[in-house]
């Protein structure tokens, strides 16, 4: 349980913009841990988690998973706009012929 609290503290303080060297940014942002804890907690799995959680596709996927109804609504709305645009274009082309 102690490690979970440390992970949560680190994740709360380590939200940064995605860049090539995310590990360096994490180390800069973490000031309340000693060196032993930094080496123990900042393992490969946690750094992989940070890289994924700061990526735009991952954040978009999480928003869809949290709000599937909103995604379905916007999908149907966009398909409706495409259908209306297709109908208008077809009616204009029929009038010309």
PDB file of N, CA and C in Angstrom:
ATOM      1  N   UNK A   1       0.821  -1.188   0.000  1.00  0.00           N
ATOM      2  CA  UNK A   1       0.000   0.000   0.000  1.00  0.00           C
ATOM      3  C   UNK A   1       0.867   1.254   0.000  1.00  0.00           C
ATOM      4  N   UNK A   2       2.014   1.159   0.627  1.00  0.00           N
ATOM      5  CA  UNK A   2       2.914   2.299   0.681  1.00  0.00           C
ATOM      6  C   UNK A   2       3.403   2.666  -0.720  1.00  0.00           C
ATOM      7  N   UNK A   3       3.689   1.642  -1.551  1.00  0.00           N
ATOM      8  CA  UNK A   3       4.135   1.916  -2.916  1.00  0.00           C
ATOM      9  C   UNK A   3       3.034   2.566  -3.739  1.00  0.00           C
ATOM     10  N   UNK A   4       1.782   2.166  -3.508  1.00  0.00           N
ATOM     11  CA  UNK A   4       0.676   2.769  -4.250  1.00  0.00           C
ATOM     12  C   UNK A   4       0.570   4.250  -3.933  1.00  0.00           C
ATOM     13  N   UNK A   5       0.719   4.608  -2.668  1.00  0.00           N
ATOM     14  CA  UNK A   5       0.675   6.027  -2.296  1.00  0.00           C
ATOM     15  C   UNK A   5       1.814   6.795  -2.950  1.00  0.00           C
ATOM     16  N   UNK A   6       2.980   6.175  -3.035  1.00  0.00           N
ATOM     17  CA  UNK A   6       4.113   6.838  -3.687  1.00  0.00           C
ATOM     18  C   UNK A   6       3.833   7.022  -5.171  1.00  0.00           C
ATOM     19  N   UNK A   7       3.266   5.991  -5.829  1.00  0.00           N
ATOM     20  CA  UNK A   7       2.921   6.109  -7.240  1.00  0.00           C
ATOM     21  C   UNK A   7       1.921   7.239  -7.469  1.00  0.00           C
ATOM     22  N   UNK A   8       0.932   7.321  -6.614  1.00  0.00           N
ATOM     23  CA  UNK A   8      -0.073   8.369  -6.769  1.00  0.00           C
ATOM     24  C   UNK A   8       0.522   9.760  -6.579  1.00  0.00           C
ATOM     25  N   UNK A   9       1.415   9.913  -5.621  1.00  0.00           N
ATOM     26  CA  UNK A   9       2.076  11.210  -5.423  1.00  0.00           C
ATOM     27  C   UNK A   9       2.899  11.586  -6.644  1.00  0.00           C
ATOM     28  N   UNK A  10       3.621  10.607  -7.175  1.00  0.00           N
ATOM     29  CA  UNK A  10       4.464  10.875  -8.343  1.00  0.00           C
ATOM     30  C   UNK A  10       3.601  11.215  -9.545  1.00  0.00           C
ATOM     31  N   UNK A  11       2.553  10.440  -9.780  1.00  0.00           N
ATOM     32  CA  UNK A  11       1.704  10.683 -10.945  1.00  0.00           C
ATOM     33  C   UNK A  11       1.027  12.046 -10.857  1.00  0.00           C
ATOM     34  N   UNK A  12       0.639  12.444  -9.661  1.00  0.00           N
ATOM     35  CA  UNK A  12      -0.011  13.744  -9.481  1.00  0.00           C
ATOM     36  C   UNK A  12       0.951  14.880  -9.824  1.00  0.00           C
ATOM     37  N   UNK A  13       2.198  14.733  -9.446  1.00  0.00           N
ATOM     38  CA  UNK A  13       3.181  15.791  -9.673  1.00  0.00           C
ATOM     39  C   UNK A  13       3.844  15.715 -11.040  1.00  0.00           C
ATOM     40  N   UNK A  14       3.647  14.632 -11.780  1.00  0.00           N
ATOM     41  CA  UNK A  14       4.442  14.404 -12.982  1.00  0.00           C
ATOM     42  C   UNK A  14       3.669  14.566 -14.283  1.00  0.00           C
ATOM     43  N   UNK A  15       2.556  15.268 -14.287  1.00  0.00           N
ATOM     44  CA  UNK A  15       1.834  15.492 -15.529  1.00  0.00           C
ATOM     45  C   UNK A  15       2.602  16.542 -16.321  1.00  0.00           C
ATOM     46  N   UNK A  16       3.131  16.126 -17.456  1.00  0.00           N
ATOM     47  CA  UNK A  16       3.989  16.999 -18.258  1.00  0.00           C
ATOM     48  C   UNK A  16       3.628  16.838 -19.728  1.00  0.00           C
ATOM     49  N   UNK A  17       4.144  17.739 -20.531  1.00  0.00           N
ATOM     50  CA  UNK A  17       3.946  17.639 -21.967  1.00  0.00           C
ATOM     51  C   UNK A  17       4.796  16.498 -22.511  1.00  0.00           C
ATOM     52  N   UNK A  18       4.274  15.746 -23.490  1.00  0.00           N
ATOM     53  CA  UNK A  18       5.047  14.637 -24.041  1.00  0.00           C
ATOM     54  C   UNK A  18       6.263  15.134 -24.816  1.00  0.00           C
ATOM     55  N   UNK A  19       7.376  14.535 -24.541  1.00  0.00           N
ATOM     56  CA  UNK A  19       8.623  14.859 -25.228  1.00  0.00           C
ATOM     57  C   UNK A  19       9.441  13.581 -25.361  1.00  0.00           C
ATOM     58  N   UNK A  20      10.604  13.693 -25.966  1.00  0.00           N
ATOM     59  CA  UNK A  20      11.436  12.521 -26.182  1.00  0.00           C
ATOM     60  C   UNK A  20      12.005  11.982 -24.869  1.00  0.00           C
ATOM     61  N   UNK A  21      12.445  12.856 -23.985  1.00  0.00           N
ATOM     62  CA  UNK A  21      13.078  12.423 -22.731  1.00  0.00           C
ATOM     63  C   UNK A  21      12.150  12.707 -21.553  1.00  0.00           C
ATOM     64  N   UNK A  22      11.086  11.942 -21.467  1.00  0.00           N
ATOM     65  CA  UNK A  22      10.107  12.155 -20.408  1.00  0.00           C
ATOM     66  C   UNK A  22      10.685  11.827 -19.035  1.00  0.00           C
ATOM     67  N   UNK A  23      11.649  10.914 -18.983  1.00  0.00           N
ATOM     68  CA  UNK A  23      12.239  10.524 -17.696  1.00  0.00           C
ATOM     69  C   UNK A  23      12.914  11.710 -17.011  1.00  0.00           C
ATOM     70  N   UNK A  24      13.602  12.526 -17.795  1.00  0.00           N
ATOM     71  CA  UNK A  24      14.276  13.697 -17.227  1.00  0.00           C
ATOM     72  C   UNK A  24      13.269  14.692 -16.667  1.00  0.00           C
ATOM     73  N   UNK A  25      12.162  14.879 -17.375  1.00  0.00           N
ATOM     74  CA  UNK A  25      11.126  15.789 -16.893  1.00  0.00           C
ATOM     75  C   UNK A  25      10.513  15.277 -15.593  1.00  0.00           C
ATOM     76  N   UNK A  26      10.304  13.960 -15.512  1.00  0.00           N
ATOM     77  CA  UNK A  26       9.754  13.378 -14.291  1.00  0.00           C
ATOM     78  C   UNK A  26      10.689  13.615 -13.121  1.00  0.00           C
ATOM     79  N   UNK A  27      11.960  13.385 -13.342  1.00  0.00           N
ATOM     80  CA  UNK A  27      12.941  13.572 -12.266  1.00  0.00           C
ATOM     81  C   UNK A  27      12.999  15.028 -11.825  1.00  0.00           C
ATOM     82  N   UNK A  28      12.838  15.965 -12.759  1.00  0.00           N
ATOM     83  CA  UNK A  28      12.841  17.383 -12.398  1.00  0.00           C
ATOM     84  C   UNK A  28      11.632  17.744 -11.543  1.00  0.00           C
ATOM     85  N   UNK A  29      10.488  17.161 -11.862  1.00  0.00           N
ATOM     86  CA  UNK A  29       9.249  17.517 -11.177  1.00  0.00           C
ATOM     87  C   UNK A  29       9.126  16.888  -9.787  1.00  0.00           C
ATOM     88  N   UNK A  30       9.813  15.783  -9.566  1.00  0.00           N
ATOM     89  CA  UNK A  30       9.696  15.092  -8.279  1.00  0.00           C
ATOM     90  C   UNK A  30      10.738  15.648  -7.326  1.00  0.00           C
ATOM     91  N   UNK A  31      10.269  16.305  -6.276  1.00  0.00           N
ATOM     92  CA  UNK A  31      11.206  16.899  -5.338  1.00  0.00           C
ATOM     93  C   UNK A  31      11.081  16.325  -3.935  1.00  0.00           C
ATOM     94  N   UNK A  32      10.003  15.630  -3.647  1.00  0.00           N
ATOM     95  CA  UNK A  32       9.765  15.163  -2.290  1.00  0.00           C
ATOM     96  C   UNK A  32      10.195  13.711  -2.059  1.00  0.00           C
ATOM     97  N   UNK A  33      10.935  13.121  -2.992  1.00  0.00           N
ATOM     98  CA  UNK A  33      11.413  11.746  -2.822  1.00  0.00           C
ATOM     99  C   UNK A  33      12.925  11.735  -2.695  1.00  0.00           C
ATOM    100  N   UNK A  34      13.408  10.795  -1.902  1.00  0.00           N
ATOM    101  CA  UNK A  34      14.862  10.663  -1.820  1.00  0.00           C
ATOM    102  C   UNK A  34      15.365   9.806  -2.985  1.00  0.00           C
ATOM    103  N   UNK A  35      16.654   9.704  -3.148  1.00  0.00           N
ATOM    104  CA  UNK A  35      17.248   9.007  -4.291  1.00  0.00           C
ATOM    105  C   UNK A  35      16.888   7.526  -4.317  1.00  0.00           C
ATOM    106  N   UNK A  36      16.826   6.894  -3.153  1.00  0.00           N
ATOM    107  CA  UNK A  36      16.493   5.461  -3.099  1.00  0.00           C
ATOM    108  C   UNK A  36      15.087   5.224  -3.638  1.00  0.00           C
ATOM    109  N   UNK A  37      14.141   6.066  -3.229  1.00  0.00           N
ATOM    110  CA  UNK A  37      12.769   5.915  -3.691  1.00  0.00           C
ATOM    111  C   UNK A  37      12.647   6.197  -5.183  1.00  0.00           C
ATOM    112  N   UNK A  38      13.386   7.170  -5.683  1.00  0.00           N
ATOM    113  CA  UNK A  38      13.337   7.469  -7.114  1.00  0.00           C
ATOM    114  C   UNK A  38      13.776   6.275  -7.940  1.00  0.00           C
ATOM    115  N   UNK A  39      14.857   5.621  -7.506  1.00  0.00           N
ATOM    116  CA  UNK A  39      15.351   4.463  -8.247  1.00  0.00           C
ATOM    117  C   UNK A  39      14.402   3.277  -8.125  1.00  0.00           C
ATOM    118  N   UNK A  40      13.774   3.142  -6.975  1.00  0.00           N
ATOM    119  CA  UNK A  40      12.879   2.007  -6.745  1.00  0.00           C
ATOM    120  C   UNK A  40      11.555   2.167  -7.486  1.00  0.00           C
ATOM    121  N   UNK A  41      11.002   3.359  -7.459  1.00  0.00           N
ATOM    122  CA  UNK A  41       9.669   3.576  -8.021  1.00  0.00           C
ATOM    123  C   UNK A  41       9.711   3.842  -9.522  1.00  0.00           C
ATOM    124  N   UNK A  42      10.689   4.573  -9.988  1.00  0.00           N
ATOM    125  CA  UNK A  42      10.749   4.917 -11.404  1.00  0.00           C
ATOM    126  C   UNK A  42      11.344   3.778 -12.222  1.00  0.00           C
ATOM    127  N   UNK A  43      10.667   2.646 -12.181  1.00  0.00           N
ATOM    128  CA  UNK A  43      11.122   1.506 -12.960  1.00  0.00           C
ATOM    129  C   UNK A  43      10.552   1.583 -14.374  1.00  0.00           C
ATOM    130  N   UNK A  44      10.808   0.577 -15.174  1.00  0.00           N
ATOM    131  CA  UNK A  44      10.418   0.579 -16.581  1.00  0.00           C
ATOM    132  C   UNK A  44       8.894   0.597 -16.758  1.00  0.00           C
ATOM    133  N   UNK A  45       8.177  -0.126 -15.914  1.00  0.00           N
ATOM    134  CA  UNK A  45       6.717  -0.170 -16.042  1.00  0.00           C
ATOM    135  C   UNK A  45       6.092   1.195 -15.759  1.00  0.00           C
ATOM    136  N   UNK A  46       6.595   1.880 -14.735  1.00  0.00           N
ATOM    137  CA  UNK A  46       6.043   3.183 -14.390  1.00  0.00           C
ATOM    138  C   UNK A  46       6.363   4.215 -15.463  1.00  0.00           C
ATOM    139  N   UNK A  47       7.573   4.180 -16.011  1.00  0.00           N
ATOM    140  CA  UNK A  47       7.920   5.121 -17.079  1.00  0.00           C
ATOM    141  C   UNK A  47       7.080   4.853 -18.324  1.00  0.00           C
ATOM    142  N   UNK A  48       6.790   3.577 -18.596  1.00  0.00           N
ATOM    143  CA  UNK A  48       5.917   3.236 -19.713  1.00  0.00           C
ATOM    144  C   UNK A  48       4.517   3.784 -19.473  1.00  0.00           C
ATOM    145  N   UNK A  49       4.035   3.677 -18.232  1.00  0.00           N
ATOM    146  CA  UNK A  49       2.732   4.243 -17.875  1.00  0.00           C
ATOM    147  C   UNK A  49       2.713   5.755 -18.102  1.00  0.00           C
ATOM    148  N   UNK A  50       3.770   6.448 -17.702  1.00  0.00           N
ATOM    149  CA  UNK A  50       3.824   7.901 -17.900  1.00  0.00           C
ATOM    150  C   UNK A  50       3.820   8.274 -19.376  1.00  0.00           C
ATOM    151  N   UNK A  51       4.562   7.526 -20.176  1.00  0.00           N
ATOM    152  CA  UNK A  51       4.597   7.818 -21.610  1.00  0.00           C
ATOM    153  C   UNK A  51       3.216   7.641 -22.225  1.00  0.00           C
ATOM    154  N   UNK A  52       2.530   6.557 -21.842  1.00  0.00           N
ATOM    155  CA  UNK A  52       1.200   6.312 -22.401  1.00  0.00           C
ATOM    156  C   UNK A  52       0.192   7.341 -21.915  1.00  0.00           C
ATOM    157  N   UNK A  53       0.228   7.668 -20.636  1.00  0.00           N
ATOM    158  CA  UNK A  53      -0.787   8.566 -20.094  1.00  0.00           C
ATOM    159  C   UNK A  53      -0.619   9.989 -20.594  1.00  0.00           C
ATOM    160  N   UNK A  54       0.535  10.353 -21.104  1.00  0.00           N
ATOM    161  CA  UNK A  54       0.751  11.694 -21.640  1.00  0.00           C
ATOM    162  C   UNK A  54       0.586  11.762 -23.153  1.00  0.00           C
ATOM    163  N   UNK A  55       0.268  10.640 -23.805  1.00  0.00           N
ATOM    164  CA  UNK A  55       0.111  10.666 -25.252  1.00  0.00           C
ATOM    165  C   UNK A  55      -1.324  11.027 -25.626  1.00  0.00           C
ATOM    166  N   UNK A  56      -1.487  11.748 -26.700  1.00  0.00           N
ATOM    167  CA  UNK A  56      -2.807  12.203 -27.141  1.00  0.00           C
ATOM    168  C   UNK A  56      -3.728  11.039 -27.524  1.00  0.00           C
ATOM    169  N   UNK A  57      -3.256  10.036 -28.277  1.00  0.00           N
ATOM    170  CA  UNK A  57      -4.164   8.919 -28.596  1.00  0.00           C
ATOM    171  C   UNK A  57      -4.667   8.187 -27.347  1.00  0.00           C
ATOM    172  N   UNK A  58      -3.807   8.019 -26.354  1.00  0.00           N
ATOM    173  CA  UNK A  58      -4.216   7.347 -25.126  1.00  0.00           C
ATOM    174  C   UNK A  58      -5.242   8.182 -24.372  1.00  0.00           C
ATOM    175  N   UNK A  59      -5.056   9.484 -24.308  1.00  0.00           N
ATOM    176  CA  UNK A  59      -6.010  10.356 -23.630  1.00  0.00           C
ATOM    177  C   UNK A  59      -7.347  10.358 -24.355  1.00  0.00           C
ATOM    178  N   UNK A  60      -7.329  10.355 -25.697  1.00  0.00           N
ATOM    179  CA  UNK A  60      -8.560  10.300 -26.477  1.00  0.00           C
ATOM    180  C   UNK A  60      -9.293   8.985 -26.229  1.00  0.00           C
ATOM    181  N   UNK A  61      -8.544   7.893 -26.201  1.00  0.00           N
ATOM    182  CA  UNK A  61      -9.148   6.583 -25.938  1.00  0.00           C
ATOM    183  C   UNK A  61      -9.791   6.544 -24.556  1.00  0.00           C
ATOM    184  N   UNK A  62      -9.133   7.132 -23.561  1.00  0.00           N
ATOM    185  CA  UNK A  62      -9.698   7.153 -22.214  1.00  0.00           C
ATOM    186  C   UNK A  62     -10.975   7.989 -22.155  1.00  0.00           C
ATOM    187  N   UNK A  63     -11.022   9.095 -22.889  1.00  0.00           N
ATOM    188  CA  UNK A  63     -12.238   9.906 -22.921  1.00  0.00           C
ATOM    189  C   UNK A  63     -13.389   9.135 -23.551  1.00  0.00           C
ATOM    190  N   UNK A  64     -13.097   8.371 -24.599  1.00  0.00           N
ATOM    191  CA  UNK A  64     -14.138   7.555 -25.235  1.00  0.00           C
ATOM    192  C   UNK A  64     -14.621   6.478 -24.269  1.00  0.00           C
ATOM    193  N   UNK A  65     -13.702   5.840 -23.561  1.00  0.00           N
ATOM    194  CA  UNK A  65     -14.096   4.787 -22.613  1.00  0.00           C
ATOM    195  C   UNK A  65     -14.905   5.343 -21.450  1.00  0.00           C
ATOM    196  N   UNK A  66     -14.583   6.549 -21.011  1.00  0.00           N
ATOM    197  CA  UNK A  66     -15.308   7.151 -19.899  1.00  0.00           C
ATOM    198  C   UNK A  66     -16.676   7.674 -20.321  1.00  0.00           C
ATOM    199  N   UNK A  67     -16.807   8.106 -21.580  1.00  0.00           N
ATOM    200  CA  UNK A  67     -18.061   8.696 -22.063  1.00  0.00           C
ATOM    201  C   UNK A  67     -18.473   8.074 -23.392  1.00  0.00           C
ATOM    202  N   UNK A  68     -18.882   6.803 -23.411  1.00  0.00           N
ATOM    203  CA  UNK A  68     -19.226   6.178 -24.698  1.00  0.00           C
ATOM    204  C   UNK A  68     -20.472   6.778 -25.334  1.00  0.00           C
ATOM    205  N   UNK A  69     -21.398   7.285 -24.536  1.00  0.00           N
ATOM    206  CA  UNK A  69     -22.607   7.890 -25.092  1.00  0.00           C
ATOM    207  C   UNK A  69     -22.312   9.145 -25.883  1.00  0.00           C
ATOM    208  N   UNK A  70     -21.404   9.963 -25.393  1.00  0.00           N
ATOM    209  CA  UNK A  70     -21.035  11.200 -26.097  1.00  0.00           C
ATOM    210  C   UNK A  70     -20.374  10.854 -27.424  1.00  0.00           C
ATOM    211  N   UNK A  71     -19.516   9.850 -27.429  1.00  0.00           N
ATOM    212  CA  UNK A  71     -18.861   9.435 -28.671  1.00  0.00           C
ATOM    213  C   UNK A  71     -19.891   8.919 -29.672  1.00  0.00           C
ATOM    214  N   UNK A  72     -20.847   8.121 -29.203  1.00  0.00           N
ATOM    215  CA  UNK A  72     -21.892   7.605 -30.089  1.00  0.00           C
ATOM    216  C   UNK A  72     -22.733   8.753 -30.641  1.00  0.00           C
ATOM    217  N   UNK A  73     -23.077   9.714 -29.800  1.00  0.00           N
ATOM    218  CA  UNK A  73     -23.867  10.867 -30.248  1.00  0.00           C
ATOM    219  C   UNK A  73     -23.131  11.641 -31.339  1.00  0.00           C
ATOM    220  N   UNK A  74     -21.861  11.945 -31.121  1.00  0.00           N
ATOM    221  CA  UNK A  74     -21.102  12.690 -32.120  1.00  0.00           C
ATOM    222  C   UNK A  74     -20.917  11.887 -33.403  1.00  0.00           C
ATOM    223  N   UNK A  75     -20.754  10.584 -33.292  1.00  0.00           N
ATOM    224  CA  UNK A  75     -20.635   9.741 -34.486  1.00  0.00           C
ATOM    225  C   UNK A  75     -21.916   9.796 -35.309  1.00  0.00           C
ATOM    226  N   UNK A  76     -23.063   9.663 -34.643  1.00  0.00           N
ATOM    227  CA  UNK A  76     -24.345   9.721 -35.340  1.00  0.00           C
ATOM    228  C   UNK A  76     -24.567  11.115 -35.925  1.00  0.00           C
ATOM    229  N   UNK A  77     -24.193  12.143 -35.185  1.00  0.00           N
ATOM    230  CA  UNK A  77     -24.332  13.519 -35.651  1.00  0.00           C
ATOM    231  C   UNK A  77     -23.506  13.757 -36.917  1.00  0.00           C
ATOM    232  N   UNK A  78     -22.281  13.301 -36.921  1.00  0.00           N
ATOM    233  CA  UNK A  78     -21.403  13.472 -38.090  1.00  0.00           C
ATOM    234  C   UNK A  78     -21.935  12.690 -39.280  1.00  0.00           C
ATOM    235  N   UNK A  79     -22.418  11.463 -39.050  1.00  0.00           N
ATOM    236  CA  UNK A  79     -23.000  10.688 -40.150  1.00  0.00           C
ATOM    237  C   UNK A  79     -24.246  11.379 -40.705  1.00  0.00           C
ATOM    238  N   UNK A  80     -25.029  12.006 -39.839  1.00  0.00           N
ATOM    239  CA  UNK A  80     -26.204  12.754 -40.295  1.00  0.00           C
ATOM    240  C   UNK A  80     -25.815  13.940 -41.161  1.00  0.00           C
ATOM    241  N   UNK A  81     -24.775  14.649 -40.769  1.00  0.00           N
ATOM    242  CA  UNK A  81     -24.300  15.788 -41.568  1.00  0.00           C
ATOM    243  C   UNK A  81     -23.821  15.311 -42.933  1.00  0.00           C
ATOM    244  N   UNK A  82     -23.112  14.187 -42.957  1.00  0.00           N
ATOM    245  CA  UNK A  82     -22.635  13.631 -44.235  1.00  0.00           C
ATOM    246  C   UNK A  82     -23.814  13.223 -45.105  1.00  0.00           C
ATOM    247  N   UNK A  83     -24.837  12.621 -44.504  1.00  0.00           N
ATOM    248  CA  UNK A  83     -26.020  12.213 -45.272  1.00  0.00           C
ATOM    249  C   UNK A  83     -26.747  13.421 -45.846  1.00  0.00           C
ATOM    250  N   UNK A  84     -26.907  14.469 -45.060  1.00  0.00           N
ATOM    251  CA  UNK A  84     -27.568  15.687 -45.542  1.00  0.00           C
ATOM    252  C   UNK A  84     -26.761  16.335 -46.661  1.00  0.00           C
ATOM    253  N   UNK A  85     -25.438  16.394 -46.500  1.00  0.00           N
ATOM    254  CA  UNK A  85     -24.585  16.972 -47.539  1.00  0.00           C
ATOM    255  C   UNK A  85     -24.679  16.151 -48.828  1.00  0.00           C
ATOM    256  N   UNK A  86     -24.720  14.843 -48.711  1.00  0.00           N
ATOM    257  CA  UNK A  86     -24.856  13.978 -49.889  1.00  0.00           C
ATOM    258  C   UNK A  86     -26.194  14.216 -50.582  1.00  0.00           C
ATOM    259  N   UNK A  87     -27.254  14.335 -49.806  1.00  0.00           N
ATOM    260  CA  UNK A  87     -28.589  14.595 -50.367  1.00  0.00           C
ATOM    261  C   UNK A  87     -28.618  15.922 -51.118  1.00  0.00           C
ATOM    262  N   UNK A  88     -28.028  16.958 -50.529  1.00  0.00           N
ATOM    263  CA  UNK A  88     -28.007  18.274 -51.179  1.00  0.00           C
ATOM    264  C   UNK A  88     -27.213  18.220 -52.477  1.00  0.00           C
ATOM    265  N   UNK A  89     -26.068  17.564 -52.463  1.00  0.00           N
ATOM    266  CA  UNK A  89     -25.233  17.474 -53.671  1.00  0.00           C
ATOM    267  C   UNK A  89     -25.976  16.690 -54.754  1.00  0.00           C
ATOM    268  N   UNK A  90     -26.636  15.610 -54.390  1.00  0.00           N
ATOM    269  CA  UNK A  90     -27.385  14.813 -55.379  1.00  0.00           C
ATOM    270  C   UNK A  90     -28.543  15.618 -55.969  1.00  0.00           C
ATOM    271  N   UNK A  91     -29.248  16.378 -55.121  1.00  0.00           N
ATOM    272  CA  UNK A  91     -30.368  17.172 -55.634  1.00  0.00           C
ATOM    273  C   UNK A  91     -29.866  18.281 -56.556  1.00  0.00           C
ATOM    274  N   UNK A  92     -28.740  18.870 -56.270  1.00  0.00           N
ATOM    275  CA  UNK A  92     -28.165  19.902 -57.154  1.00  0.00           C
ATOM    276  C   UNK A  92     -27.760  19.285 -58.478  1.00  0.00           C
ATOM    277  N   UNK A  93     -27.150  18.124 -58.437  1.00  0.00           N
ATOM    278  CA  UNK A  93     -26.731  17.461 -59.682  1.00  0.00           C
ATOM    279  C   UNK A  93     -27.938  17.030 -60.511  1.00  0.00           C
ATOM    280  N   UNK A  94     -29.039  16.611 -59.895  1.00  0.00           N
ATOM    281  CA  UNK A  94     -30.249  16.220 -60.644  1.00  0.00           C
ATOM    282  C   UNK A  94     -30.892  17.438 -61.313  1.00  0.00           C
ATOM    283  N   UNK A  95     -30.868  18.583 -60.644  1.00  0.00           N
ATOM    284  CA  UNK A  95     -31.444  19.801 -61.218  1.00  0.00           C
ATOM    285  C   UNK A  95     -30.678  20.255 -62.453  1.00  0.00           C
ATOM    286  N   UNK A  96     -29.365  20.047 -62.447  1.00  0.00           N
ATOM    287  CA  UNK A  96     -28.537  20.456 -63.585  1.00  0.00           C
ATOM    288  C   UNK A  96     -28.808  19.567 -64.812  1.00  0.00           C
ATOM    289  N   UNK A  97     -29.135  18.312 -64.600  1.00  0.00           N
ATOM    290  CA  UNK A  97     -29.368  17.394 -65.714  1.00  0.00           C
ATOM    291  C   UNK A  97     -30.759  17.564 -66.182  1.00  0.00           C
TER     292      UNK A  97
END
